[in-house]
């Protein structure tokens, strides 16, 4: 099971940041981002996400299994886990643009979270 975040990004000091832009594109502001989930051992696994389109392994996630009946009446199971995507809005790097200018106003960004999984029916 793999997960990644895609969106505008920029490397700064060896770390990828999600890049938010003003409507006119003149202000480009970096924000850090993380993905986290609870593992089978009960600990929290956190990855620096950075909107960088890189896959992260979440095979060790804690899954909740519940019975499920599909539309044809066949009984199976549904497996679910919770993944948290966080963008702290108070990080010091986000006080300045990528050009090292102060900024004021609104910036925005769009992106996607992708999950890649393989299920095997092994009896």
PDB file of N, CA and C in Angstrom:
ATOM      1  N   UNK A   1       0.848  -1.159   0.000  1.00  0.00           N
ATOM      2  CA  UNK A   1       0.000   0.000   0.000  1.00  0.00           C
ATOM      3  C   UNK A   1       0.898   1.227   0.000  1.00  0.00           C
ATOM      4  N   UNK A   2       0.682   2.078  -0.992  1.00  0.00           N
ATOM      5  CA  UNK A   2       1.488   3.287  -1.134  1.00  0.00           C
ATOM      6  C   UNK A   2       0.583   4.510  -1.209  1.00  0.00           C
ATOM      7  N   UNK A   3       1.130   5.659  -0.811  1.00  0.00           N
ATOM      8  CA  UNK A   3       0.370   6.906  -0.853  1.00  0.00           C
ATOM      9  C   UNK A   3       1.313   8.044  -1.248  1.00  0.00           C
ATOM     10  N   UNK A   4       0.767   9.024  -1.988  1.00  0.00           N
ATOM     11  CA  UNK A   4       1.568  10.195  -2.352  1.00  0.00           C
ATOM     12  C   UNK A   4       0.667  11.418  -2.487  1.00  0.00           C
ATOM     13  N   UNK A   5       1.302  12.587  -2.411  1.00  0.00           N
ATOM     14  CA  UNK A   5       0.611  13.863  -2.577  1.00  0.00           C
ATOM     15  C   UNK A   5       1.217  14.561  -3.790  1.00  0.00           C
ATOM     16  N   UNK A   6       0.350  15.018  -4.690  1.00  0.00           N
ATOM     17  CA  UNK A   6       0.814  15.762  -5.855  1.00  0.00           C
ATOM     18  C   UNK A   6       0.247  17.175  -5.810  1.00  0.00           C
ATOM     19  N   UNK A   7       0.991  18.084  -6.349  1.00  0.00           N
ATOM     20  CA  UNK A   7       0.568  19.475  -6.403  1.00  0.00           C
ATOM     21  C   UNK A   7       1.776  20.337  -6.686  1.00  0.00           C
ATOM     22  N   UNK A   8       1.576  21.645  -6.783  1.00  0.00           N
ATOM     23  CA  UNK A   8       2.714  22.530  -6.987  1.00  0.00           C
ATOM     24  C   UNK A   8       3.695  22.370  -5.823  1.00  0.00           C
ATOM     25  N   UNK A   9       4.970  22.244  -6.138  1.00  0.00           N
ATOM     26  CA  UNK A   9       5.977  22.014  -5.100  1.00  0.00           C
ATOM     27  C   UNK A   9       7.285  22.687  -5.478  1.00  0.00           C
ATOM     28  N   UNK A  10       8.097  22.923  -4.466  1.00  0.00           N
ATOM     29  CA  UNK A  10       9.439  23.454  -4.705  1.00  0.00           C
ATOM     30  C   UNK A  10      10.368  22.940  -3.613  1.00  0.00           C
ATOM     31  N   UNK A  11      11.579  22.558  -4.032  1.00  0.00           N
ATOM     32  CA  UNK A  11      12.614  22.144  -3.089  1.00  0.00           C
ATOM     33  C   UNK A  11      13.287  23.387  -2.514  1.00  0.00           C
ATOM     34  N   UNK A  12      13.403  23.410  -1.190  1.00  0.00           N
ATOM     35  CA  UNK A  12      14.103  24.490  -0.500  1.00  0.00           C
ATOM     36  C   UNK A  12      14.954  23.841   0.580  1.00  0.00           C
ATOM     37  N   UNK A  13      16.236  24.047   0.510  1.00  0.00           N
ATOM     38  CA  UNK A  13      17.136  23.473   1.509  1.00  0.00           C
ATOM     39  C   UNK A  13      17.066  21.961   1.584  1.00  0.00           C
ATOM     40  N   UNK A  14      16.823  21.305   0.455  1.00  0.00           N
ATOM     41  CA  UNK A  14      16.769  19.849   0.416  1.00  0.00           C
ATOM     42  C   UNK A  14      15.439  19.244   0.821  1.00  0.00           C
ATOM     43  N   UNK A  15      14.444  20.071   1.096  1.00  0.00           N
ATOM     44  CA  UNK A  15      13.116  19.587   1.488  1.00  0.00           C
ATOM     45  C   UNK A  15      12.079  20.103   0.498  1.00  0.00           C
ATOM     46  N   UNK A  16      11.107  19.250   0.178  1.00  0.00           N
ATOM     47  CA  UNK A  16      10.032  19.649  -0.724  1.00  0.00           C
ATOM     48  C   UNK A  16       8.906  20.319   0.066  1.00  0.00           C
ATOM     49  N   UNK A  17       8.407  21.417  -0.469  1.00  0.00           N
ATOM     50  CA  UNK A  17       7.297  22.149   0.144  1.00  0.00           C
ATOM     51  C   UNK A  17       6.153  22.263  -0.857  1.00  0.00           C
ATOM     52  N   UNK A  18       4.923  22.245  -0.346  1.00  0.00           N
ATOM     53  CA  UNK A  18       3.761  22.552  -1.176  1.00  0.00           C
ATOM     54  C   UNK A  18       3.820  24.050  -1.474  1.00  0.00           C
ATOM     55  N   UNK A  19       3.540  24.413  -2.711  1.00  0.00           N
ATOM     56  CA  UNK A  19       3.684  25.800  -3.137  1.00  0.00           C
ATOM     57  C   UNK A  19       2.305  26.418  -3.376  1.00  0.00           C
ATOM     58  N   UNK A  20       1.984  27.423  -2.584  1.00  0.00           N
ATOM     59  CA  UNK A  20       0.733  28.164  -2.718  1.00  0.00           C
ATOM     60  C   UNK A  20       1.034  29.457  -3.472  1.00  0.00           C
ATOM     61  N   UNK A  21       0.129  29.873  -4.357  1.00  0.00           N
ATOM     62  CA  UNK A  21       0.367  31.060  -5.184  1.00  0.00           C
ATOM     63  C   UNK A  21      -0.784  32.044  -5.078  1.00  0.00           C
ATOM     64  N   UNK A  22      -0.443  33.324  -5.273  1.00  0.00           N
ATOM     65  CA  UNK A  22      -1.477  34.355  -5.354  1.00  0.00           C
ATOM     66  C   UNK A  22      -2.189  34.214  -6.696  1.00  0.00           C
ATOM     67  N   UNK A  23      -3.370  34.819  -6.814  1.00  0.00           N
ATOM     68  CA  UNK A  23      -4.146  34.731  -8.060  1.00  0.00           C
ATOM     69  C   UNK A  23      -3.355  35.218  -9.273  1.00  0.00           C
ATOM     70  N   UNK A  24      -2.544  36.254  -9.079  1.00  0.00           N
ATOM     71  CA  UNK A  24      -1.777  36.785 -10.210  1.00  0.00           C
ATOM     72  C   UNK A  24      -0.427  36.081 -10.399  1.00  0.00           C
ATOM     73  N   UNK A  25      -0.111  35.120  -9.522  1.00  0.00           N
ATOM     74  CA  UNK A  25       1.109  34.330  -9.662  1.00  0.00           C
ATOM     75  C   UNK A  25       2.379  35.015  -9.196  1.00  0.00           C
ATOM     76  N   UNK A  26       2.267  36.227  -8.662  1.00  0.00           N
ATOM     77  CA  UNK A  26       3.476  36.943  -8.252  1.00  0.00           C
ATOM     78  C   UNK A  26       4.017  36.464  -6.908  1.00  0.00           C
ATOM     79  N   UNK A  27       3.148  36.015  -6.021  1.00  0.00           N
ATOM     80  CA  UNK A  27       3.587  35.503  -4.715  1.00  0.00           C
ATOM     81  C   UNK A  27       3.483  33.981  -4.718  1.00  0.00           C
ATOM     82  N   UNK A  28       4.603  33.318  -4.473  1.00  0.00           N
ATOM     83  CA  UNK A  28       4.639  31.860  -4.363  1.00  0.00           C
ATOM     84  C   UNK A  28       5.187  31.536  -2.980  1.00  0.00           C
ATOM     85  N   UNK A  29       4.336  30.930  -2.149  1.00  0.00           N
ATOM     86  CA  UNK A  29       4.663  30.734  -0.738  1.00  0.00           C
ATOM     87  C   UNK A  29       4.774  29.243  -0.426  1.00  0.00           C
ATOM     88  N   UNK A  30       5.902  28.813   0.170  1.00  0.00           N
ATOM     89  CA  UNK A  30       6.074  27.402   0.515  1.00  0.00           C
ATOM     90  C   UNK A  30       5.400  27.064   1.848  1.00  0.00           C
ATOM     91  N   UNK A  31       4.733  25.919   1.889  1.00  0.00           N
ATOM     92  CA  UNK A  31       4.154  25.398   3.122  1.00  0.00           C
ATOM     93  C   UNK A  31       4.593  23.944   3.278  1.00  0.00           C
ATOM     94  N   UNK A  32       5.021  23.543   4.485  1.00  0.00           N
ATOM     95  CA  UNK A  32       5.340  22.136   4.714  1.00  0.00           C
ATOM     96  C   UNK A  32       4.049  21.329   4.800  1.00  0.00           C
ATOM     97  N   UNK A  33       4.139  20.032   4.520  1.00  0.00           N
ATOM     98  CA  UNK A  33       2.960  19.164   4.621  1.00  0.00           C
ATOM     99  C   UNK A  33       3.392  17.785   5.107  1.00  0.00           C
ATOM    100  N   UNK A  34       2.490  17.122   5.829  1.00  0.00           N
ATOM    101  CA  UNK A  34       2.768  15.766   6.307  1.00  0.00           C
ATOM    102  C   UNK A  34       1.583  14.850   6.045  1.00  0.00           C
ATOM    103  N   UNK A  35       1.885  13.566   5.916  1.00  0.00           N
ATOM    104  CA  UNK A  35       0.894  12.490   5.898  1.00  0.00           C
ATOM    105  C   UNK A  35       1.154  11.652   7.136  1.00  0.00           C
ATOM    106  N   UNK A  36       0.098  11.271   7.856  1.00  0.00           N
ATOM    107  CA  UNK A  36       0.300  10.417   9.028  1.00  0.00           C
ATOM    108  C   UNK A  36      -0.840   9.418   9.159  1.00  0.00           C
ATOM    109  N   UNK A  37      -0.522   8.297   9.813  1.00  0.00           N
ATOM    110  CA  UNK A  37      -1.503   7.249  10.076  1.00  0.00           C
ATOM    111  C   UNK A  37      -1.035   6.441  11.276  1.00  0.00           C
ATOM    112  N   UNK A  38      -1.977   5.709  11.876  1.00  0.00           N
ATOM    113  CA  UNK A  38      -1.665   4.822  13.003  1.00  0.00           C
ATOM    114  C   UNK A  38      -1.210   3.480  12.437  1.00  0.00           C
ATOM    115  N   UNK A  39      -0.128   2.942  12.999  1.00  0.00           N
ATOM    116  CA  UNK A  39       0.394   1.649  12.550  1.00  0.00           C
ATOM    117  C   UNK A  39      -0.244   0.512  13.344  1.00  0.00           C
ATOM    118  N   UNK A  40       0.001  -0.708  12.886  1.00  0.00           N
ATOM    119  CA  UNK A  40      -0.516  -1.894  13.585  1.00  0.00           C
ATOM    120  C   UNK A  40      -0.015  -1.977  15.020  1.00  0.00           C
ATOM    121  N   UNK A  41       1.153  -1.422  15.293  1.00  0.00           N
ATOM    122  CA  UNK A  41       1.698  -1.460  16.655  1.00  0.00           C
ATOM    123  C   UNK A  41       1.165  -0.316  17.518  1.00  0.00           C
ATOM    124  N   UNK A  42       0.327   0.554  16.942  1.00  0.00           N
ATOM    125  CA  UNK A  42      -0.293   1.633  17.708  1.00  0.00           C
ATOM    126  C   UNK A  42       0.482   2.937  17.713  1.00  0.00           C
ATOM    127  N   UNK A  43       1.597   2.994  17.014  1.00  0.00           N
ATOM    128  CA  UNK A  43       2.360   4.236  16.930  1.00  0.00           C
ATOM    129  C   UNK A  43       1.883   5.056  15.729  1.00  0.00           C
ATOM    130  N   UNK A  44       2.211   6.316  15.737  1.00  0.00           N
ATOM    131  CA  UNK A  44       1.876   7.173  14.602  1.00  0.00           C
ATOM    132  C   UNK A  44       3.070   7.247  13.662  1.00  0.00           C
ATOM    133  N   UNK A  45       2.841   6.929  12.399  1.00  0.00           N
ATOM    134  CA  UNK A  45       3.868   7.060  11.361  1.00  0.00           C
ATOM    135  C   UNK A  45       3.598   8.360  10.619  1.00  0.00           C
ATOM    136  N   UNK A  46       4.584   9.228  10.552  1.00  0.00           N
ATOM    137  CA  UNK A  46       4.437  10.511   9.871  1.00  0.00           C
ATOM    138  C   UNK A  46       5.490  10.638   8.782  1.00  0.00           C
ATOM    139  N   UNK A  47       5.041  11.050   7.603  1.00  0.00           N
ATOM    140  CA  UNK A  47       5.936  11.300   6.476  1.00  0.00           C
ATOM    141  C   UNK A  47       5.867  12.766   6.100  1.00  0.00           C
ATOM    142  N   UNK A  48       7.012  13.319   5.747  1.00  0.00           N
ATOM    143  CA  UNK A  48       7.062  14.643   5.154  1.00  0.00           C
ATOM    144  C   UNK A  48       6.494  14.492   3.740  1.00  0.00           C
ATOM    145  N   UNK A  49       5.375  15.129   3.446  1.00  0.00           N
ATOM    146  CA  UNK A  49       4.702  14.913   2.161  1.00  0.00           C
ATOM    147  C   UNK A  49       5.184  15.884   1.087  1.00  0.00           C
ATOM    148  N   UNK A  50       5.212  17.163   1.383  1.00  0.00           N
ATOM    149  CA  UNK A  50       5.792  18.143   0.478  1.00  0.00           C
ATOM    150  C   UNK A  50       5.207  18.257  -0.919  1.00  0.00           C
ATOM    151  N   UNK A  51       4.078  17.652  -1.224  1.00  0.00           N
ATOM    152  CA  UNK A  51       3.437  17.731  -2.548  1.00  0.00           C
ATOM    153  C   UNK A  51       4.379  17.310  -3.671  1.00  0.00           C
ATOM    154  N   UNK A  52       5.344  16.433  -3.381  1.00  0.00           N
ATOM    155  CA  UNK A  52       6.437  16.147  -4.313  1.00  0.00           C
ATOM    156  C   UNK A  52       6.220  14.942  -5.221  1.00  0.00           C
ATOM    157  N   UNK A  53       5.037  14.337  -5.191  1.00  0.00           N
ATOM    158  CA  UNK A  53       4.723  13.237  -6.102  1.00  0.00           C
ATOM    159  C   UNK A  53       5.570  11.984  -5.825  1.00  0.00           C
ATOM    160  N   UNK A  54       6.047  11.827  -4.581  1.00  0.00           N
ATOM    161  CA  UNK A  54       6.846  10.652  -4.204  1.00  0.00           C
ATOM    162  C   UNK A  54       5.997   9.682  -3.390  1.00  0.00           C
ATOM    163  N   UNK A  55       6.090   8.395  -3.743  1.00  0.00           N
ATOM    164  CA  UNK A  55       5.331   7.371  -3.030  1.00  0.00           C
ATOM    165  C   UNK A  55       5.918   7.135  -1.643  1.00  0.00           C
ATOM    166  N   UNK A  56       5.024   6.966  -0.646  1.00  0.00           N
ATOM    167  CA  UNK A  56       5.402   6.591   0.719  1.00  0.00           C
ATOM    168  C   UNK A  56       4.702   5.282   1.060  1.00  0.00           C
ATOM    169  N   UNK A  57       5.399   4.420   1.777  1.00  0.00           N
ATOM    170  CA  UNK A  57       4.872   3.104   2.139  1.00  0.00           C
ATOM    171  C   UNK A  57       3.946   3.210   3.350  1.00  0.00           C
ATOM    172  N   UNK A  58       2.737   2.685   3.226  1.00  0.00           N
ATOM    173  CA  UNK A  58       1.835   2.636   4.376  1.00  0.00           C
ATOM    174  C   UNK A  58       1.302   1.217   4.592  1.00  0.00           C
ATOM    175  N   UNK A  59       2.132   0.237   4.242  1.00  0.00           N
ATOM    176  CA  UNK A  59       1.762  -1.168   4.408  1.00  0.00           C
ATOM    177  C   UNK A  59       1.469  -1.499   5.862  1.00  0.00           C
ATOM    178  N   UNK A  60       2.146  -0.821   6.777  1.00  0.00           N
ATOM    179  CA  UNK A  60       2.012  -1.116   8.203  1.00  0.00           C
ATOM    180  C   UNK A  60       0.828  -0.393   8.858  1.00  0.00           C
ATOM    181  N   UNK A  61      -0.054   0.209   8.075  1.00  0.00           N
ATOM    182  CA  UNK A  61      -1.200   0.936   8.644  1.00  0.00           C
ATOM    183  C   UNK A  61      -2.135  -0.011   9.392  1.00  0.00           C
ATOM    184  N   UNK A  62      -2.776   0.512  10.415  1.00  0.00           N
ATOM    185  CA  UNK A  62      -3.777  -0.237  11.173  1.00  0.00           C
ATOM    186  C   UNK A  62      -5.086  -0.206  10.387  1.00  0.00           C
ATOM    187  N   UNK A  63      -5.573  -1.386  10.010  1.00  0.00           N
ATOM    188  CA  UNK A  63      -6.786  -1.498   9.208  1.00  0.00           C
ATOM    189  C   UNK A  63      -7.946  -1.978  10.062  1.00  0.00           C
ATOM    190  N   UNK A  64      -9.110  -1.401   9.863  1.00  0.00           N
ATOM    191  CA  UNK A  64     -10.344  -1.824  10.513  1.00  0.00           C
ATOM    192  C   UNK A  64     -11.126  -2.641   9.494  1.00  0.00           C
ATOM    193  N   UNK A  65     -11.393  -3.898   9.826  1.00  0.00           N
ATOM    194  CA  UNK A  65     -12.108  -4.796   8.921  1.00  0.00           C
ATOM    195  C   UNK A  65     -13.548  -4.946   9.384  1.00  0.00           C
ATOM    196  N   UNK A  66     -14.486  -4.734   8.467  1.00  0.00           N
ATOM    197  CA  UNK A  66     -15.904  -4.908   8.772  1.00  0.00           C
ATOM    198  C   UNK A  66     -16.549  -5.764   7.688  1.00  0.00           C
ATOM    199  N   UNK A  67     -17.561  -6.570   8.065  1.00  0.00           N
ATOM    200  CA  UNK A  67     -18.261  -7.369   7.056  1.00  0.00           C
ATOM    201  C   UNK A  67     -18.963  -6.454   6.055  1.00  0.00           C
ATOM    202  N   UNK A  68     -19.091  -6.958   4.826  1.00  0.00           N
ATOM    203  CA  UNK A  68     -19.691  -6.155   3.775  1.00  0.00           C
ATOM    204  C   UNK A  68     -20.355  -7.086   2.772  1.00  0.00           C
ATOM    205  N   UNK A  69     -21.538  -6.722   2.333  1.00  0.00           N
ATOM    206  CA  UNK A  69     -22.252  -7.490   1.316  1.00  0.00           C
ATOM    207  C   UNK A  69     -22.349  -6.631   0.068  1.00  0.00           C
ATOM    208  N   UNK A  70     -21.857  -7.178  -1.058  1.00  0.00           N
ATOM    209  CA  UNK A  70     -21.887  -6.378  -2.282  1.00  0.00           C
ATOM    210  C   UNK A  70     -23.272  -6.411  -2.920  1.00  0.00           C
ATOM    211  N   UNK A  71     -23.447  -5.711  -4.015  1.00  0.00           N
ATOM    212  CA  UNK A  71     -24.745  -5.554  -4.660  1.00  0.00           C
ATOM    213  C   UNK A  71     -25.348  -6.882  -5.120  1.00  0.00           C
ATOM    214  N   UNK A  72     -24.493  -7.874  -5.384  1.00  0.00           N
ATOM    215  CA  UNK A  72     -24.994  -9.185  -5.817  1.00  0.00           C
ATOM    216  C   UNK A  72     -25.365 -10.079  -4.638  1.00  0.00           C
ATOM    217  N   UNK A  73     -25.113  -9.602  -3.416  1.00  0.00           N
ATOM    218  CA  UNK A  73     -25.423 -10.389  -2.229  1.00  0.00           C
ATOM    219  C   UNK A  73     -24.248 -11.196  -1.707  1.00  0.00           C
ATOM    220  N   UNK A  74     -23.113 -11.125  -2.406  1.00  0.00           N
ATOM    221  CA  UNK A  74     -21.931 -11.862  -1.953  1.00  0.00           C
ATOM    222  C   UNK A  74     -21.319 -11.173  -0.737  1.00  0.00           C
ATOM    223  N   UNK A  75     -21.004 -11.986   0.279  1.00  0.00           N
ATOM    224  CA  UNK A  75     -20.457 -11.459   1.524  1.00  0.00           C
ATOM    225  C   UNK A  75     -18.938 -11.361   1.412  1.00  0.00           C
ATOM    226  N   UNK A  76     -18.424 -10.268   1.888  1.00  0.00           N
ATOM    227  CA  UNK A  76     -16.981 -10.062   1.892  1.00  0.00           C
ATOM    228  C   UNK A  76     -16.603  -9.204   3.076  1.00  0.00           C
ATOM    229  N   UNK A  77     -15.542  -8.458   2.926  1.00  0.00           N
ATOM    230  CA  UNK A  77     -15.118  -7.565   3.994  1.00  0.00           C
ATOM    231  C   UNK A  77     -14.635  -6.250   3.414  1.00  0.00           C
ATOM    232  N   UNK A  78     -14.753  -5.205   4.230  1.00  0.00           N
ATOM    233  CA  UNK A  78     -14.272  -3.888   3.853  1.00  0.00           C
ATOM    234  C   UNK A  78     -13.162  -3.524   4.832  1.00  0.00           C
ATOM    235  N   UNK A  79     -12.028  -3.097   4.301  1.00  0.00           N
ATOM    236  CA  UNK A  79     -10.896  -2.690   5.120  1.00  0.00           C
ATOM    237  C   UNK A  79     -10.721  -1.182   4.997  1.00  0.00           C
ATOM    238  N   UNK A  80     -10.622  -0.505   6.160  1.00  0.00           N
ATOM    239  CA  UNK A  80     -10.488   0.951   6.171  1.00  0.00           C
ATOM    240  C   UNK A  80      -9.370   1.368   7.116  1.00  0.00           C
ATOM    241  N   UNK A  81      -8.750   2.467   6.785  1.00  0.00           N
ATOM    242  CA  UNK A  81      -7.795   3.108   7.678  1.00  0.00           C
ATOM    243  C   UNK A  81      -7.936   4.614   7.499  1.00  0.00           C
ATOM    244  N   UNK A  82      -7.418   5.362   8.425  1.00  0.00           N
ATOM    245  CA  UNK A  82      -7.494   6.818   8.353  1.00  0.00           C
ATOM    246  C   UNK A  82      -6.108   7.385   8.087  1.00  0.00           C
ATOM    247  N   UNK A  83      -6.028   8.255   7.103  1.00  0.00           N
ATOM    248  CA  UNK A  83      -4.788   8.960   6.785  1.00  0.00           C
ATOM    249  C   UNK A  83      -5.046  10.450   6.985  1.00  0.00           C
ATOM    250  N   UNK A  84      -4.134  11.111   7.663  1.00  0.00           N
ATOM    251  CA  UNK A  84      -4.275  12.538   7.942  1.00  0.00           C
ATOM    252  C   UNK A  84      -3.256  13.320   7.102  1.00  0.00           C
ATOM    253  N   UNK A  85      -3.747  14.274   6.327  1.00  0.00           N
ATOM    254  CA  UNK A  85      -2.888  15.174   5.556  1.00  0.00           C
ATOM    255  C   UNK A  85      -2.920  16.526   6.253  1.00  0.00           C
ATOM    256  N   UNK A  86      -1.764  17.025   6.662  1.00  0.00           N
ATOM    257  CA  UNK A  86      -1.705  18.279   7.425  1.00  0.00           C
ATOM    258  C   UNK A  86      -0.783  19.290   6.756  1.00  0.00           C
ATOM    259  N   UNK A  87      -1.238  20.529   6.747  1.00  0.00           N
ATOM    260  CA  UNK A  87      -0.411  21.644   6.281  1.00  0.00           C
ATOM    261  C   UNK A  87      -0.393  22.681   7.406  1.00  0.00           C
ATOM    262  N   UNK A  88       0.691  22.729   8.187  1.00  0.00           N
ATOM    263  CA  UNK A  88       0.767  23.739   9.247  1.00  0.00           C
ATOM    264  C   UNK A  88       0.813  25.142   8.640  1.00  0.00           C
ATOM    265  N   UNK A  89      -0.035  26.006   9.126  1.00  0.00           N
ATOM    266  CA  UNK A  89      -0.104  27.358   8.582  1.00  0.00           C
ATOM    267  C   UNK A  89       0.727  28.355   9.389  1.00  0.00           C
ATOM    268  N   UNK A  90       1.493  27.857  10.367  1.00  0.00           N
ATOM    269  CA  UNK A  90       2.267  28.761  11.211  1.00  0.00           C
ATOM    270  C   UNK A  90       3.772  28.497  11.138  1.00  0.00           C
ATOM    271  N   UNK A  91       4.232  27.809  10.098  1.00  0.00           N
ATOM    272  CA  UNK A  91       5.652  27.526   9.958  1.00  0.00           C
ATOM    273  C   UNK A  91       6.385  28.792   9.501  1.00  0.00           C
ATOM    274  N   UNK A  92       7.544  29.036  10.073  1.00  0.00           N
ATOM    275  CA  UNK A  92       8.298  30.267   9.778  1.00  0.00           C
ATOM    276  C   UNK A  92       8.636  30.414   8.292  1.00  0.00           C
ATOM    277  N   UNK A  93       8.870  29.306   7.590  1.00  0.00           N
ATOM    278  CA  UNK A  93       9.232  29.409   6.167  1.00  0.00           C
ATOM    279  C   UNK A  93       8.094  29.998   5.334  1.00  0.00           C
ATOM    280  N   UNK A  94       6.874  29.867   5.828  1.00  0.00           N
ATOM    281  CA  UNK A  94       5.701  30.349   5.091  1.00  0.00           C
ATOM    282  C   UNK A  94       5.452  31.849   5.274  1.00  0.00           C
ATOM    283  N   UNK A  95       6.293  32.508   6.063  1.00  0.00           N
ATOM    284  CA  UNK A  95       6.161  33.954   6.238  1.00  0.00           C
ATOM    285  C   UNK A  95       6.739  34.730   5.059  1.00  0.00           C
ATOM    286  N   UNK A  96       7.528  34.032   4.213  1.00  0.00           N
ATOM    287  CA  UNK A  96       8.177  34.682   3.080  1.00  0.00           C
ATOM    288  C   UNK A  96       7.919  33.893   1.808  1.00  0.00           C
ATOM    289  N   UNK A  97       7.998  34.554   0.681  1.00  0.00           N
ATOM    290  CA  UNK A  97       7.833  33.882  -0.609  1.00  0.00           C
ATOM    291  C   UNK A  97       9.116  33.128  -0.949  1.00  0.00           C
ATOM    292  N   UNK A  98       9.070  32.347  -2.029  1.00  0.00           N
ATOM    293  CA  UNK A  98      10.272  31.627  -2.460  1.00  0.00           C
ATOM    294  C   UNK A  98      11.355  32.597  -2.947  1.00  0.00           C
ATOM    295  N   UNK A  99      10.969  33.835  -3.267  1.00  0.00           N
ATOM    296  CA  UNK A  99      11.929  34.877  -3.644  1.00  0.00           C
ATOM    297  C   UNK A  99      12.407  35.671  -2.432  1.00  0.00           C
ATOM    298  N   UNK A 100      12.058  35.194  -1.227  1.00  0.00           N
ATOM    299  CA  UNK A 100      12.455  35.797   0.050  1.00  0.00           C
ATOM    300  C   UNK A 100      11.847  37.179   0.286  1.00  0.00           C
ATOM    301  N   UNK A 101      10.640  37.381  -0.231  1.00  0.00           N
ATOM    302  CA  UNK A 101       9.904  38.619   0.031  1.00  0.00           C
ATOM    303  C   UNK A 101       8.807  38.340   1.046  1.00  0.00           C
ATOM    304  N   UNK A 102       8.471  39.365   1.850  1.00  0.00           N
ATOM    305  CA  UNK A 102       7.304  39.241   2.705  1.00  0.00           C
ATOM    306  C   UNK A 102       6.056  39.248   1.832  1.00  0.00           C
ATOM    307  N   UNK A 103       4.966  38.727   2.349  1.00  0.00           N
ATOM    308  CA  UNK A 103       3.749  38.722   1.546  1.00  0.00           C
ATOM    309  C   UNK A 103       2.547  38.960   2.448  1.00  0.00           C
ATOM    310  N   UNK A 104       1.464  39.426   1.845  1.00  0.00           N
ATOM    311  CA  UNK A 104       0.219  39.673   2.550  1.00  0.00           C
ATOM    312  C   UNK A 104      -0.911  39.402   1.576  1.00  0.00           C
ATOM    313  N   UNK A 105      -1.981  38.810   2.042  1.00  0.00           N
ATOM    314  CA  UNK A 105      -3.129  38.548   1.175  1.00  0.00           C
ATOM    315  C   UNK A 105      -3.501  37.088   1.169  1.00  0.00           C
ATOM    316  N   UNK A 106      -3.927  36.616   0.010  1.00  0.00           N
ATOM    317  CA  UNK A 106      -4.376  35.234  -0.119  1.00  0.00           C
ATOM    318  C   UNK A 106      -3.523  34.480  -1.120  1.00  0.00           C
ATOM    319  N   UNK A 107      -3.218  33.238  -0.764  1.00  0.00           N
ATOM    320  CA  UNK A 107      -2.557  32.310  -1.677  1.00  0.00           C
ATOM    321  C   UNK A 107      -3.340  31.006  -1.636  1.00  0.00           C
ATOM    322  N   UNK A 108      -3.276  30.243  -2.706  1.00  0.00           N
ATOM    323  CA  UNK A 108      -4.020  28.981  -2.742  1.00  0.00           C
ATOM    324  C   UNK A 108      -3.253  27.959  -3.571  1.00  0.00           C
ATOM    325  N   UNK A 109      -3.668  26.709  -3.427  1.00  0.00           N
ATOM    326  CA  UNK A 109      -3.068  25.616  -4.197  1.00  0.00           C
ATOM    327  C   UNK A 109      -4.085  24.493  -4.311  1.00  0.00           C
ATOM    328  N   UNK A 110      -3.922  23.663  -5.325  1.00  0.00           N
ATOM    329  CA  UNK A 110      -4.729  22.458  -5.501  1.00  0.00           C
ATOM    330  C   UNK A 110      -3.790  21.295  -5.706  1.00  0.00           C
ATOM    331  N   UNK A 111      -4.226  20.145  -5.263  1.00  0.00           N
ATOM    332  CA  UNK A 111      -3.430  18.941  -5.449  1.00  0.00           C
ATOM    333  C   UNK A 111      -4.291  17.719  -5.265  1.00  0.00           C
ATOM    334  N   UNK A 112      -3.643  16.575  -5.266  1.00  0.00           N
ATOM    335  CA  UNK A 112      -4.358  15.310  -5.106  1.00  0.00           C
ATOM    336  C   UNK A 112      -3.573  14.381  -4.199  1.00  0.00           C
ATOM    337  N   UNK A 113      -4.307  13.503  -3.529  1.00  0.00           N
ATOM    338  CA  UNK A 113      -3.709  12.421  -2.757  1.00  0.00           C
ATOM    339  C   UNK A 113      -4.019  11.135  -3.506  1.00  0.00           C
ATOM    340  N   UNK A 114      -2.978  10.387  -3.832  1.00  0.00           N
ATOM    341  CA  UNK A 114      -3.118   9.138  -4.586  1.00  0.00           C
ATOM    342  C   UNK A 114      -2.777   7.956  -3.689  1.00  0.00           C
ATOM    343  N   UNK A 115      -3.548   6.891  -3.825  1.00  0.00           N
ATOM    344  CA  UNK A 115      -3.288   5.649  -3.098  1.00  0.00           C
ATOM    345  C   UNK A 115      -3.137   4.536  -4.112  1.00  0.00           C
ATOM    346  N   UNK A 116      -2.133   3.711  -3.916  1.00  0.00           N
ATOM    347  CA  UNK A 116      -1.902   2.557  -4.780  1.00  0.00           C
ATOM    348  C   UNK A 116      -1.934   1.322  -3.891  1.00  0.00           C
ATOM    349  N   UNK A 117      -2.783   0.359  -4.251  1.00  0.00           N
ATOM    350  CA  UNK A 117      -2.933  -0.831  -3.407  1.00  0.00           C
ATOM    351  C   UNK A 117      -3.082  -2.077  -4.253  1.00  0.00           C
ATOM    352  N   UNK A 118      -2.665  -3.195  -3.686  1.00  0.00           N
ATOM    353  CA  UNK A 118      -2.862  -4.505  -4.293  1.00  0.00           C
ATOM    354  C   UNK A 118      -3.492  -5.402  -3.247  1.00  0.00           C
ATOM    355  N   UNK A 119      -4.627  -5.982  -3.585  1.00  0.00           N
ATOM    356  CA  UNK A 119      -5.267  -6.939  -2.698  1.00  0.00           C
ATOM    357  C   UNK A 119      -5.141  -8.319  -3.316  1.00  0.00           C
ATOM    358  N   UNK A 120      -4.840  -9.288  -2.484  1.00  0.00           N
ATOM    359  CA  UNK A 120      -4.745 -10.667  -2.951  1.00  0.00           C
ATOM    360  C   UNK A 120      -5.737 -11.510  -2.174  1.00  0.00           C
ATOM    361  N   UNK A 121      -6.503 -12.317  -2.883  1.00  0.00           N
ATOM    362  CA  UNK A 121      -7.449 -13.239  -2.254  1.00  0.00           C
ATOM    363  C   UNK A 121      -6.747 -14.586  -2.118  1.00  0.00           C
ATOM    364  N   UNK A 122      -6.136 -14.790  -0.967  1.00  0.00           N
ATOM    365  CA  UNK A 122      -5.371 -16.012  -0.720  1.00  0.00           C
ATOM    366  C   UNK A 122      -6.093 -16.832   0.335  1.00  0.00           C
ATOM    367  N   UNK A 123      -6.440 -18.043  -0.020  1.00  0.00           N
ATOM    368  CA  UNK A 123      -7.112 -18.936   0.939  1.00  0.00           C
ATOM    369  C   UNK A 123      -6.173 -20.008   1.425  1.00  0.00           C
TER     370      UNK A 123
END
